[in-house]
Amino acid sequence: MYNNTIMFGEVALGASNVVHLHGVAWDQPADLSSRAVQEKLSPVAIRAFFRLTSHWKLRDEDARGLIGGISNGSFYQLKRGTTKTSNAKTLDLKTLDQDKLTRVSLLVGIFKALNILYGTKLADAWVQLPNTNPIFGGETPLAYMLKGGVPSMLRVRQLLDAAAAACNYPQDHAPQNHAHFAERYAPPHSQSFL
């Protein structure tokens, strides 16, 4: 399991286990097309993204692809841009657009679901392991997400969220097909994880 304080910096969990970020209402979707919302969410999203890529031990080329195929220069400015100093030019480079914020959100959700399903070592390695689940066709989840972009990331997130929900479903209240679902998505001894 991971610690949200470490993963998200100054973002804190309240007593109700809800993330609190000053100025953002979580009871309704954020308007990611709003420049003000983008500026508010970007610093946390950037830090989360780079911590996630570190946990997954991604090559910079793969990390650039996951965040939307940005150039080397922009990528390294983002990577260096976690410092407190900024001016108008660096602020613009540090502000993620709607697409990039959506990508980071999906990746953080994937990271979270993996850490619910597996121990840290497997959760961190999972995206780079060949996978026999039919959606991956023997490739790694990372290759699948790089090829398919946001729709593929969404599908991986849905797959993992469903598996995490099945793991947390009380056995005595499980649907009739729960045993089949749990058997299909339980971590096997081979490398056909989910």
N, C-alpha and C. Protein backbone atom coordinates (compact mmCIF):
# COMPACT_ATOMS: atom_id res chain seq x y z
N MET A 1 0.84 -1.18 0.00
CA MET A 1 0.00 0.00 0.00
C MET A 1 0.89 1.24 0.00
N TYR A 2 0.40 2.33 -0.43
CA TYR A 2 1.19 3.55 -0.51
C TYR A 2 0.54 4.63 0.35
N ASN A 3 1.31 5.64 0.64
CA ASN A 3 0.85 6.72 1.48
C ASN A 3 0.47 7.90 0.59
N ASN A 4 -0.78 8.35 0.67
CA ASN A 4 -1.24 9.46 -0.18
C ASN A 4 -0.45 10.74 0.06
N THR A 5 0.02 10.97 1.28
CA THR A 5 0.78 12.17 1.56
C THR A 5 2.08 12.16 0.76
N ILE A 6 2.70 11.00 0.66
CA ILE A 6 3.94 10.90 -0.12
C ILE A 6 3.63 11.02 -1.61
N MET A 7 2.60 10.35 -2.06
CA MET A 7 2.29 10.34 -3.49
C MET A 7 1.88 11.72 -3.99
N PHE A 8 1.10 12.44 -3.22
CA PHE A 8 0.53 13.68 -3.70
C PHE A 8 1.04 14.93 -3.00
N GLY A 9 2.17 14.87 -2.32
CA GLY A 9 2.73 16.06 -1.69
C GLY A 9 1.81 16.65 -0.66
N GLU A 10 1.41 17.92 -0.87
CA GLU A 10 0.61 18.60 0.15
C GLU A 10 -0.87 18.25 0.13
N VAL A 11 -1.29 17.42 -0.79
CA VAL A 11 -2.69 16.99 -0.79
C VAL A 11 -2.89 16.11 0.43
N ALA A 12 -3.92 16.38 1.20
CA ALA A 12 -4.13 15.64 2.44
C ALA A 12 -5.45 14.89 2.41
N LEU A 13 -5.49 13.79 3.12
CA LEU A 13 -6.73 13.04 3.27
C LEU A 13 -7.41 13.53 4.54
N GLY A 14 -8.69 13.82 4.43
CA GLY A 14 -9.47 14.22 5.58
C GLY A 14 -9.97 13.02 6.35
N ALA A 15 -10.74 13.27 7.39
CA ALA A 15 -11.27 12.21 8.23
C ALA A 15 -12.14 11.24 7.43
N SER A 16 -12.81 11.73 6.40
CA SER A 16 -13.68 10.88 5.59
C SER A 16 -12.92 10.18 4.47
N ASN A 17 -11.57 10.24 4.51
CA ASN A 17 -10.71 9.62 3.51
C ASN A 17 -10.94 10.22 2.13
N VAL A 18 -11.28 11.50 2.09
CA VAL A 18 -11.48 12.23 0.85
C VAL A 18 -10.31 13.18 0.67
N VAL A 19 -9.78 13.27 -0.54
CA VAL A 19 -8.68 14.17 -0.81
C VAL A 19 -9.18 15.61 -0.77
N HIS A 20 -8.47 16.48 -0.06
CA HIS A 20 -8.82 17.89 0.02
C HIS A 20 -7.74 18.72 -0.65
N LEU A 21 -8.12 19.49 -1.64
CA LEU A 21 -7.22 20.41 -2.32
C LEU A 21 -7.92 21.75 -2.32
N HIS A 22 -7.29 22.74 -1.75
CA HIS A 22 -7.91 24.05 -1.59
C HIS A 22 -8.47 24.56 -2.92
N GLY A 23 -9.74 24.93 -2.92
CA GLY A 23 -10.37 25.54 -4.08
C GLY A 23 -10.94 24.56 -5.09
N VAL A 24 -10.91 23.24 -4.81
CA VAL A 24 -11.45 22.26 -5.73
C VAL A 24 -12.55 21.49 -5.02
N ALA A 25 -13.74 21.47 -5.62
CA ALA A 25 -14.88 20.72 -5.06
C ALA A 25 -14.87 19.33 -5.65
N TRP A 26 -14.87 18.32 -4.79
CA TRP A 26 -14.80 16.94 -5.26
C TRP A 26 -16.16 16.30 -5.43
N ASP A 27 -17.23 17.01 -5.06
CA ASP A 27 -18.57 16.44 -5.21
C ASP A 27 -19.12 16.64 -6.62
N GLN A 28 -18.36 17.32 -7.47
CA GLN A 28 -18.75 17.51 -8.86
C GLN A 28 -17.48 17.49 -9.71
N PRO A 29 -17.59 17.07 -10.97
CA PRO A 29 -16.40 17.00 -11.81
C PRO A 29 -15.78 18.38 -12.01
N ALA A 30 -14.46 18.41 -11.99
CA ALA A 30 -13.76 19.67 -12.26
C ALA A 30 -13.89 20.01 -13.74
N ASP A 31 -14.00 21.28 -14.05
CA ASP A 31 -14.04 21.74 -15.44
C ASP A 31 -12.61 21.82 -15.95
N LEU A 32 -12.11 20.71 -16.48
CA LEU A 32 -10.72 20.65 -16.91
C LEU A 32 -10.43 21.52 -18.12
N SER A 33 -11.46 22.08 -18.75
CA SER A 33 -11.23 23.00 -19.86
C SER A 33 -10.94 24.41 -19.35
N SER A 34 -11.20 24.66 -18.08
CA SER A 34 -10.97 25.98 -17.48
C SER A 34 -9.48 26.17 -17.19
N ARG A 35 -8.93 27.26 -17.68
CA ARG A 35 -7.51 27.56 -17.46
C ARG A 35 -7.20 27.69 -15.96
N ALA A 36 -8.11 28.26 -15.19
CA ALA A 36 -7.89 28.41 -13.75
C ALA A 36 -7.81 27.05 -13.06
N VAL A 37 -8.67 26.13 -13.46
CA VAL A 37 -8.66 24.78 -12.89
C VAL A 37 -7.38 24.06 -13.31
N GLN A 38 -6.98 24.21 -14.56
CA GLN A 38 -5.74 23.60 -15.05
C GLN A 38 -4.54 24.10 -14.25
N GLU A 39 -4.49 25.41 -13.99
CA GLU A 39 -3.38 25.98 -13.22
C GLU A 39 -3.38 25.47 -11.79
N LYS A 40 -4.55 25.27 -11.22
CA LYS A 40 -4.67 24.81 -9.83
C LYS A 40 -4.28 23.34 -9.69
N LEU A 41 -4.71 22.48 -10.64
CA LEU A 41 -4.46 21.05 -10.54
C LEU A 41 -3.09 20.63 -11.06
N SER A 42 -2.51 21.40 -11.96
CA SER A 42 -1.27 20.98 -12.62
C SER A 42 -0.10 20.70 -11.69
N PRO A 43 0.20 21.54 -10.70
CA PRO A 43 1.36 21.24 -9.85
C PRO A 43 1.25 19.88 -9.15
N VAL A 44 0.08 19.57 -8.63
CA VAL A 44 -0.11 18.27 -7.96
C VAL A 44 -0.05 17.14 -8.98
N ALA A 45 -0.67 17.34 -10.14
CA ALA A 45 -0.68 16.30 -11.17
C ALA A 45 0.73 16.02 -11.68
N ILE A 46 1.52 17.06 -11.86
CA ILE A 46 2.90 16.89 -12.35
C ILE A 46 3.73 16.11 -11.33
N ARG A 47 3.63 16.48 -10.06
CA ARG A 47 4.38 15.75 -9.02
C ARG A 47 3.92 14.29 -8.95
N ALA A 48 2.62 14.06 -9.01
CA ALA A 48 2.10 12.69 -8.96
C ALA A 48 2.60 11.89 -10.17
N PHE A 49 2.56 12.50 -11.35
CA PHE A 49 3.00 11.81 -12.55
C PHE A 49 4.46 11.38 -12.45
N PHE A 50 5.34 12.28 -12.01
CA PHE A 50 6.75 11.92 -11.95
C PHE A 50 7.05 10.93 -10.82
N ARG A 51 6.30 10.97 -9.75
CA ARG A 51 6.47 9.95 -8.70
C ARG A 51 6.00 8.60 -9.20
N LEU A 52 4.91 8.59 -9.94
CA LEU A 52 4.38 7.36 -10.51
C LEU A 52 5.38 6.77 -11.51
N THR A 53 5.95 7.59 -12.38
CA THR A 53 6.92 7.08 -13.36
C THR A 53 8.16 6.54 -12.66
N SER A 54 8.50 7.11 -11.53
CA SER A 54 9.62 6.61 -10.74
C SER A 54 9.29 5.24 -10.14
N HIS A 55 8.10 5.10 -9.57
CA HIS A 55 7.68 3.81 -9.01
C HIS A 55 7.68 2.73 -10.09
N TRP A 56 7.18 3.06 -11.26
CA TRP A 56 7.08 2.10 -12.37
C TRP A 56 8.39 1.93 -13.13
N LYS A 57 9.41 2.74 -12.77
CA LYS A 57 10.73 2.69 -13.42
C LYS A 57 10.61 2.83 -14.94
N LEU A 58 9.85 3.83 -15.36
CA LEU A 58 9.64 4.06 -16.79
C LEU A 58 10.81 4.81 -17.41
N ARG A 59 11.10 4.46 -18.65
CA ARG A 59 12.07 5.24 -19.42
C ARG A 59 11.42 6.59 -19.72
N ASP A 60 12.22 7.62 -19.88
CA ASP A 60 11.67 8.94 -20.18
C ASP A 60 10.84 8.93 -21.45
N GLU A 61 11.26 8.16 -22.46
CA GLU A 61 10.51 8.07 -23.72
C GLU A 61 9.10 7.54 -23.47
N ASP A 62 8.98 6.52 -22.63
CA ASP A 62 7.67 5.95 -22.32
C ASP A 62 6.83 6.93 -21.49
N ALA A 63 7.47 7.60 -20.54
CA ALA A 63 6.75 8.59 -19.74
C ALA A 63 6.22 9.72 -20.62
N ARG A 64 7.03 10.17 -21.58
CA ARG A 64 6.59 11.21 -22.52
C ARG A 64 5.40 10.74 -23.33
N GLY A 65 5.41 9.48 -23.73
CA GLY A 65 4.29 8.93 -24.49
C GLY A 65 3.02 8.85 -23.67
N LEU A 66 3.13 8.45 -22.42
CA LEU A 66 1.95 8.34 -21.57
C LEU A 66 1.30 9.69 -21.29
N ILE A 67 2.11 10.74 -21.17
CA ILE A 67 1.54 12.05 -20.87
C ILE A 67 1.07 12.78 -22.13
N GLY A 68 1.27 12.15 -23.27
CA GLY A 68 0.71 12.74 -24.49
C GLY A 68 1.70 13.03 -25.58
N GLY A 69 2.87 12.42 -25.53
CA GLY A 69 3.83 12.59 -26.61
C GLY A 69 4.47 13.96 -26.68
N ILE A 70 4.79 14.53 -25.53
CA ILE A 70 5.41 15.85 -25.54
C ILE A 70 6.88 15.74 -25.94
N SER A 71 7.45 16.85 -26.37
CA SER A 71 8.84 16.88 -26.80
C SER A 71 9.78 16.67 -25.62
N ASN A 72 11.03 16.32 -25.94
CA ASN A 72 12.05 16.16 -24.90
C ASN A 72 12.20 17.42 -24.07
N GLY A 73 12.29 18.56 -24.76
CA GLY A 73 12.49 19.83 -24.05
C GLY A 73 11.37 20.14 -23.08
N SER A 74 10.13 19.99 -23.54
CA SER A 74 8.99 20.25 -22.66
C SER A 74 8.95 19.27 -21.50
N PHE A 75 9.28 18.01 -21.79
CA PHE A 75 9.27 16.98 -20.75
C PHE A 75 10.27 17.31 -19.65
N TYR A 76 11.49 17.66 -20.04
CA TYR A 76 12.52 17.94 -19.03
C TYR A 76 12.25 19.25 -18.30
N GLN A 77 11.60 20.21 -18.96
CA GLN A 77 11.21 21.42 -18.25
C GLN A 77 10.14 21.10 -17.21
N LEU A 78 9.20 20.23 -17.56
CA LEU A 78 8.20 19.79 -16.58
C LEU A 78 8.86 19.08 -15.42
N LYS A 79 9.81 18.21 -15.75
CA LYS A 79 10.50 17.42 -14.73
C LYS A 79 11.28 18.33 -13.78
N ARG A 80 11.94 19.33 -14.34
CA ARG A 80 12.68 20.29 -13.51
C ARG A 80 11.74 21.29 -12.86
N GLY A 81 10.56 21.46 -13.43
CA GLY A 81 9.63 22.50 -13.01
C GLY A 81 8.93 22.27 -11.69
N THR A 82 9.33 21.28 -10.94
CA THR A 82 8.70 21.06 -9.64
C THR A 82 9.29 21.97 -8.57
N THR A 83 10.22 22.85 -8.96
CA THR A 83 10.77 23.81 -8.01
C THR A 83 9.80 24.95 -7.83
N LYS A 84 10.00 25.73 -6.79
CA LYS A 84 9.08 26.82 -6.45
C LYS A 84 9.23 28.05 -7.34
N THR A 85 10.40 28.23 -7.98
CA THR A 85 10.60 29.43 -8.79
C THR A 85 9.83 29.32 -10.10
N SER A 86 9.17 30.40 -10.47
CA SER A 86 8.46 30.40 -11.75
C SER A 86 8.25 31.83 -12.23
N ASN A 87 8.13 31.96 -13.53
CA ASN A 87 7.74 33.22 -14.12
C ASN A 87 6.63 32.91 -15.12
N ALA A 88 6.19 33.88 -15.87
CA ALA A 88 5.05 33.66 -16.77
C ALA A 88 5.34 32.55 -17.78
N LYS A 89 6.57 32.51 -18.31
CA LYS A 89 6.91 31.50 -19.32
C LYS A 89 6.92 30.09 -18.69
N THR A 90 7.56 29.93 -17.53
CA THR A 90 7.62 28.60 -16.91
C THR A 90 6.27 28.19 -16.37
N LEU A 91 5.44 29.15 -15.93
CA LEU A 91 4.10 28.82 -15.44
C LEU A 91 3.28 28.21 -16.57
N ASP A 92 3.42 28.77 -17.79
CA ASP A 92 2.69 28.24 -18.93
C ASP A 92 3.13 26.81 -19.25
N LEU A 93 4.44 26.54 -19.15
CA LEU A 93 4.95 25.20 -19.41
C LEU A 93 4.52 24.21 -18.33
N LYS A 94 4.30 24.71 -17.12
CA LYS A 94 3.93 23.85 -16.00
C LYS A 94 2.42 23.63 -15.91
N THR A 95 1.65 24.25 -16.77
CA THR A 95 0.20 24.09 -16.74
C THR A 95 -0.19 23.02 -17.76
N LEU A 96 -0.77 21.93 -17.26
CA LEU A 96 -1.18 20.84 -18.12
C LEU A 96 -2.55 21.15 -18.72
N ASP A 97 -2.74 20.78 -19.98
CA ASP A 97 -4.04 20.98 -20.62
C ASP A 97 -5.00 19.86 -20.21
N GLN A 98 -6.21 19.93 -20.70
CA GLN A 98 -7.26 18.98 -20.33
C GLN A 98 -6.85 17.54 -20.64
N ASP A 99 -6.27 17.30 -21.80
CA ASP A 99 -5.87 15.96 -22.18
C ASP A 99 -4.82 15.40 -21.22
N LYS A 100 -3.81 16.19 -20.90
CA LYS A 100 -2.74 15.72 -20.02
C LYS A 100 -3.24 15.50 -18.59
N LEU A 101 -4.12 16.36 -18.10
CA LEU A 101 -4.70 16.16 -16.78
C LEU A 101 -5.54 14.87 -16.74
N THR A 102 -6.26 14.60 -17.81
CA THR A 102 -7.05 13.37 -17.90
C THR A 102 -6.14 12.16 -17.90
N ARG A 103 -5.06 12.21 -18.66
CA ARG A 103 -4.10 11.11 -18.71
C ARG A 103 -3.50 10.85 -17.32
N VAL A 104 -3.09 11.91 -16.64
CA VAL A 104 -2.50 11.74 -15.30
C VAL A 104 -3.54 11.16 -14.34
N SER A 105 -4.76 11.62 -14.43
CA SER A 105 -5.83 11.09 -13.58
C SER A 105 -6.01 9.59 -13.80
N LEU A 106 -6.04 9.16 -15.05
CA LEU A 106 -6.19 7.74 -15.36
C LEU A 106 -5.00 6.93 -14.84
N LEU A 107 -3.80 7.46 -15.02
CA LEU A 107 -2.60 6.76 -14.56
C LEU A 107 -2.55 6.65 -13.04
N VAL A 108 -2.95 7.71 -12.35
CA VAL A 108 -2.99 7.65 -10.88
C VAL A 108 -4.03 6.62 -10.43
N GLY A 109 -5.16 6.56 -11.12
CA GLY A 109 -6.17 5.55 -10.80
C GLY A 109 -5.64 4.13 -11.02
N ILE A 110 -4.88 3.93 -12.08
CA ILE A 110 -4.26 2.63 -12.36
C ILE A 110 -3.26 2.30 -11.25
N PHE A 111 -2.45 3.26 -10.88
CA PHE A 111 -1.47 3.08 -9.80
C PHE A 111 -2.17 2.68 -8.50
N LYS A 112 -3.23 3.38 -8.18
CA LYS A 112 -3.97 3.11 -6.95
C LYS A 112 -4.57 1.70 -6.97
N ALA A 113 -5.22 1.33 -8.07
CA ALA A 113 -5.84 0.00 -8.17
C ALA A 113 -4.78 -1.10 -8.08
N LEU A 114 -3.63 -0.91 -8.72
CA LEU A 114 -2.57 -1.91 -8.63
C LEU A 114 -2.10 -2.10 -7.20
N ASN A 115 -2.03 -1.00 -6.45
CA ASN A 115 -1.58 -1.08 -5.06
C ASN A 115 -2.65 -1.67 -4.15
N ILE A 116 -3.90 -1.65 -4.57
CA ILE A 116 -4.97 -2.34 -3.83
C ILE A 116 -4.88 -3.85 -4.11
N LEU A 117 -4.61 -4.19 -5.35
CA LEU A 117 -4.61 -5.59 -5.77
C LEU A 117 -3.35 -6.36 -5.38
N TYR A 118 -2.21 -5.71 -5.43
CA TYR A 118 -0.94 -6.40 -5.29
C TYR A 118 -0.05 -5.70 -4.27
N GLY A 119 1.01 -6.42 -3.87
CA GLY A 119 2.04 -5.82 -3.04
C GLY A 119 2.82 -4.81 -3.86
N THR A 120 3.61 -4.00 -3.18
CA THR A 120 4.33 -2.91 -3.83
C THR A 120 5.20 -3.37 -5.00
N LYS A 121 5.94 -4.45 -4.80
CA LYS A 121 6.87 -4.91 -5.84
C LYS A 121 6.14 -5.27 -7.13
N LEU A 122 5.08 -6.08 -7.03
CA LEU A 122 4.32 -6.46 -8.22
C LEU A 122 3.52 -5.28 -8.77
N ALA A 123 2.96 -4.46 -7.90
CA ALA A 123 2.19 -3.29 -8.36
C ALA A 123 3.08 -2.36 -9.19
N ASP A 124 4.32 -2.18 -8.76
CA ASP A 124 5.23 -1.30 -9.49
C ASP A 124 5.76 -1.92 -10.78
N ALA A 125 5.82 -3.25 -10.84
CA ALA A 125 6.34 -3.93 -12.03
C ALA A 125 5.26 -4.25 -13.05
N TRP A 126 3.99 -4.30 -12.64
CA TRP A 126 2.89 -4.83 -13.45
C TRP A 126 2.80 -4.21 -14.84
N VAL A 127 2.96 -2.90 -14.97
CA VAL A 127 2.78 -2.26 -16.29
C VAL A 127 3.84 -2.71 -17.30
N GLN A 128 4.96 -3.25 -16.83
CA GLN A 128 6.03 -3.64 -17.75
C GLN A 128 6.16 -5.15 -17.91
N LEU A 129 5.21 -5.90 -17.35
CA LEU A 129 5.24 -7.36 -17.48
C LEU A 129 4.34 -7.81 -18.63
N PRO A 130 4.81 -8.76 -19.46
CA PRO A 130 3.93 -9.30 -20.50
C PRO A 130 2.67 -9.87 -19.85
N ASN A 131 1.53 -9.69 -20.50
CA ASN A 131 0.26 -10.04 -19.89
C ASN A 131 -0.58 -10.83 -20.89
N THR A 132 -1.12 -11.98 -20.45
CA THR A 132 -1.91 -12.82 -21.34
C THR A 132 -3.39 -12.49 -21.33
N ASN A 133 -3.81 -11.48 -20.59
CA ASN A 133 -5.20 -11.07 -20.65
C ASN A 133 -5.51 -10.71 -22.11
N PRO A 134 -6.67 -11.13 -22.61
CA PRO A 134 -6.99 -10.89 -24.03
C PRO A 134 -6.86 -9.43 -24.49
N ILE A 135 -7.12 -8.47 -23.63
CA ILE A 135 -7.01 -7.08 -24.11
C ILE A 135 -5.57 -6.69 -24.43
N PHE A 136 -4.60 -7.35 -23.78
CA PHE A 136 -3.19 -7.01 -23.99
C PHE A 136 -2.55 -7.85 -25.09
N GLY A 137 -3.14 -8.99 -25.42
CA GLY A 137 -2.61 -9.83 -26.48
C GLY A 137 -1.17 -10.25 -26.28
N GLY A 138 -0.77 -10.50 -25.04
CA GLY A 138 0.60 -10.94 -24.75
C GLY A 138 1.60 -9.81 -24.57
N GLU A 139 1.19 -8.58 -24.87
CA GLU A 139 2.09 -7.44 -24.69
C GLU A 139 2.00 -6.93 -23.25
N THR A 140 2.83 -5.95 -22.95
CA THR A 140 2.77 -5.34 -21.63
C THR A 140 1.63 -4.32 -21.60
N PRO A 141 1.04 -4.08 -20.43
CA PRO A 141 0.05 -3.01 -20.33
C PRO A 141 0.61 -1.66 -20.76
N LEU A 142 1.90 -1.43 -20.50
CA LEU A 142 2.53 -0.18 -20.92
C LEU A 142 2.48 -0.03 -22.44
N ALA A 143 2.85 -1.08 -23.17
CA ALA A 143 2.81 -1.02 -24.64
C ALA A 143 1.38 -0.78 -25.13
N TYR A 144 0.43 -1.45 -24.49
CA TYR A 144 -0.99 -1.29 -24.85
C TYR A 144 -1.43 0.17 -24.66
N MET A 145 -1.05 0.77 -23.54
CA MET A 145 -1.46 2.16 -23.26
C MET A 145 -0.74 3.14 -24.18
N LEU A 146 0.52 2.88 -24.49
CA LEU A 146 1.25 3.77 -25.39
C LEU A 146 0.66 3.74 -26.80
N LYS A 147 0.25 2.57 -27.25
CA LYS A 147 -0.33 2.45 -28.60
C LYS A 147 -1.73 3.04 -28.67
N GLY A 148 -2.53 2.83 -27.62
CA GLY A 148 -3.95 3.20 -27.68
C GLY A 148 -4.31 4.52 -27.04
N GLY A 149 -3.38 5.16 -26.34
CA GLY A 149 -3.65 6.47 -25.73
C GLY A 149 -4.73 6.43 -24.66
N VAL A 150 -5.50 7.50 -24.57
CA VAL A 150 -6.50 7.67 -23.52
C VAL A 150 -7.53 6.52 -23.51
N PRO A 151 -8.07 6.09 -24.65
CA PRO A 151 -9.04 4.98 -24.59
C PRO A 151 -8.44 3.71 -23.97
N SER A 152 -7.19 3.41 -24.28
CA SER A 152 -6.54 2.23 -23.70
C SER A 152 -6.29 2.41 -22.21
N MET A 153 -5.88 3.60 -21.82
CA MET A 153 -5.67 3.87 -20.39
C MET A 153 -6.98 3.71 -19.63
N LEU A 154 -8.06 4.21 -20.22
CA LEU A 154 -9.38 4.08 -19.60
C LEU A 154 -9.77 2.61 -19.46
N ARG A 155 -9.49 1.82 -20.48
CA ARG A 155 -9.84 0.40 -20.42
C ARG A 155 -9.02 -0.33 -19.35
N VAL A 156 -7.74 -0.01 -19.24
CA VAL A 156 -6.89 -0.62 -18.20
C VAL A 156 -7.40 -0.21 -16.83
N ARG A 157 -7.74 1.06 -16.69
CA ARG A 157 -8.27 1.55 -15.41
C ARG A 157 -9.55 0.82 -15.04
N GLN A 158 -10.45 0.64 -16.00
CA GLN A 158 -11.71 -0.06 -15.73
C GLN A 158 -11.46 -1.51 -15.35
N LEU A 159 -10.54 -2.18 -16.05
CA LEU A 159 -10.20 -3.56 -15.74
C LEU A 159 -9.70 -3.69 -14.31
N LEU A 160 -8.77 -2.82 -13.93
CA LEU A 160 -8.18 -2.89 -12.60
C LEU A 160 -9.17 -2.47 -11.52
N ASP A 161 -9.99 -1.45 -11.80
CA ASP A 161 -11.00 -1.05 -10.81
C ASP A 161 -12.00 -2.16 -10.57
N ALA A 162 -12.39 -2.88 -11.63
CA ALA A 162 -13.33 -3.99 -11.48
C ALA A 162 -12.69 -5.11 -10.66
N ALA A 163 -11.43 -5.41 -10.92
CA ALA A 163 -10.74 -6.45 -10.16
C ALA A 163 -10.58 -6.04 -8.70
N ALA A 164 -10.25 -4.77 -8.45
CA ALA A 164 -10.11 -4.29 -7.08
C ALA A 164 -11.44 -4.34 -6.35
N ALA A 165 -12.52 -4.00 -7.04
CA ALA A 165 -13.85 -4.05 -6.43
C ALA A 165 -14.22 -5.49 -6.10
N ALA A 166 -13.87 -6.44 -6.99
CA ALA A 166 -14.17 -7.85 -6.74
C ALA A 166 -13.41 -8.36 -5.52
N CYS A 167 -12.19 -7.88 -5.34
CA CYS A 167 -11.40 -8.30 -4.17
C CYS A 167 -12.00 -7.78 -2.87
N ASN A 168 -12.68 -6.67 -2.93
CA ASN A 168 -13.26 -6.06 -1.73
C ASN A 168 -14.72 -6.42 -1.52
N TYR A 169 -15.28 -7.24 -2.40
CA TYR A 169 -16.69 -7.60 -2.32
C TYR A 169 -16.87 -8.65 -1.23
N PRO A 170 -17.77 -8.44 -0.27
CA PRO A 170 -17.98 -9.45 0.77
C PRO A 170 -18.44 -10.77 0.15
N GLN A 171 -17.80 -11.87 0.54
CA GLN A 171 -18.10 -13.18 -0.05
C GLN A 171 -19.56 -13.57 0.11
N ASP A 172 -20.17 -13.29 1.27
CA ASP A 172 -21.54 -13.72 1.48
C ASP A 172 -22.55 -12.90 0.69
N HIS A 173 -22.12 -11.76 0.12
CA HIS A 173 -23.00 -10.93 -0.69
C HIS A 173 -22.57 -10.91 -2.16
N ALA A 174 -21.65 -11.79 -2.51
CA ALA A 174 -21.11 -11.79 -3.87
C ALA A 174 -22.15 -12.26 -4.88
N PRO A 175 -22.14 -11.69 -6.08
CA PRO A 175 -23.04 -12.18 -7.12
C PRO A 175 -22.66 -13.61 -7.49
N GLN A 176 -23.55 -14.31 -8.16
CA GLN A 176 -23.32 -15.71 -8.49
C GLN A 176 -22.07 -15.90 -9.35
N ASN A 177 -21.76 -14.97 -10.18
CA ASN A 177 -20.58 -15.13 -11.03
C ASN A 177 -19.31 -14.60 -10.38
N HIS A 178 -19.37 -14.24 -9.10
CA HIS A 178 -18.21 -13.68 -8.41
C HIS A 178 -17.04 -14.66 -8.39
N ALA A 179 -17.32 -15.94 -8.14
CA ALA A 179 -16.24 -16.93 -8.07
C ALA A 179 -15.51 -16.99 -9.41
N HIS A 180 -16.25 -16.98 -10.52
CA HIS A 180 -15.62 -17.00 -11.83
C HIS A 180 -14.78 -15.74 -12.04
N PHE A 181 -15.33 -14.59 -11.65
CA PHE A 181 -14.61 -13.33 -11.83
C PHE A 181 -13.32 -13.33 -11.00
N ALA A 182 -13.44 -13.72 -9.73
CA ALA A 182 -12.27 -13.73 -8.85
C ALA A 182 -11.21 -14.71 -9.36
N GLU A 183 -11.65 -15.88 -9.86
CA GLU A 183 -10.73 -16.87 -10.37
C GLU A 183 -10.00 -16.32 -11.61
N ARG A 184 -10.75 -15.66 -12.47
CA ARG A 184 -10.16 -15.12 -13.70
C ARG A 184 -9.16 -14.00 -13.42
N TYR A 185 -9.42 -13.19 -12.40
CA TYR A 185 -8.59 -12.01 -12.17
C TYR A 185 -7.67 -12.13 -10.97
N ALA A 186 -7.67 -13.26 -10.28
CA ALA A 186 -6.75 -13.44 -9.16
C ALA A 186 -5.33 -13.50 -9.70
N PRO A 187 -4.36 -12.99 -8.96
CA PRO A 187 -2.98 -13.04 -9.45
C PRO A 187 -2.48 -14.48 -9.52
N PRO A 188 -2.22 -15.01 -10.71
CA PRO A 188 -1.75 -16.38 -10.85
C PRO A 188 -0.25 -16.48 -10.62
N HIS A 189 0.27 -17.68 -10.72
CA HIS A 189 1.71 -17.88 -10.52
C HIS A 189 2.51 -17.55 -11.76
N SER A 190 1.86 -17.52 -12.93
CA SER A 190 2.55 -17.13 -14.16
C SER A 190 2.47 -15.62 -14.29
N GLN A 191 2.84 -15.12 -15.44
CA GLN A 191 2.80 -13.68 -15.64
C GLN A 191 1.54 -13.23 -16.37
N SER A 192 0.44 -13.91 -16.18
CA SER A 192 -0.80 -13.45 -16.81
C SER A 192 -1.63 -12.73 -15.76
N PHE A 193 -1.10 -11.63 -15.27
CA PHE A 193 -1.77 -10.84 -14.24
C PHE A 193 -2.88 -10.04 -14.87
N LEU A 194 -4.08 -10.21 -14.38
CA LEU A 194 -5.23 -9.48 -14.91
C LEU A 194 -5.19 -9.45 -16.40
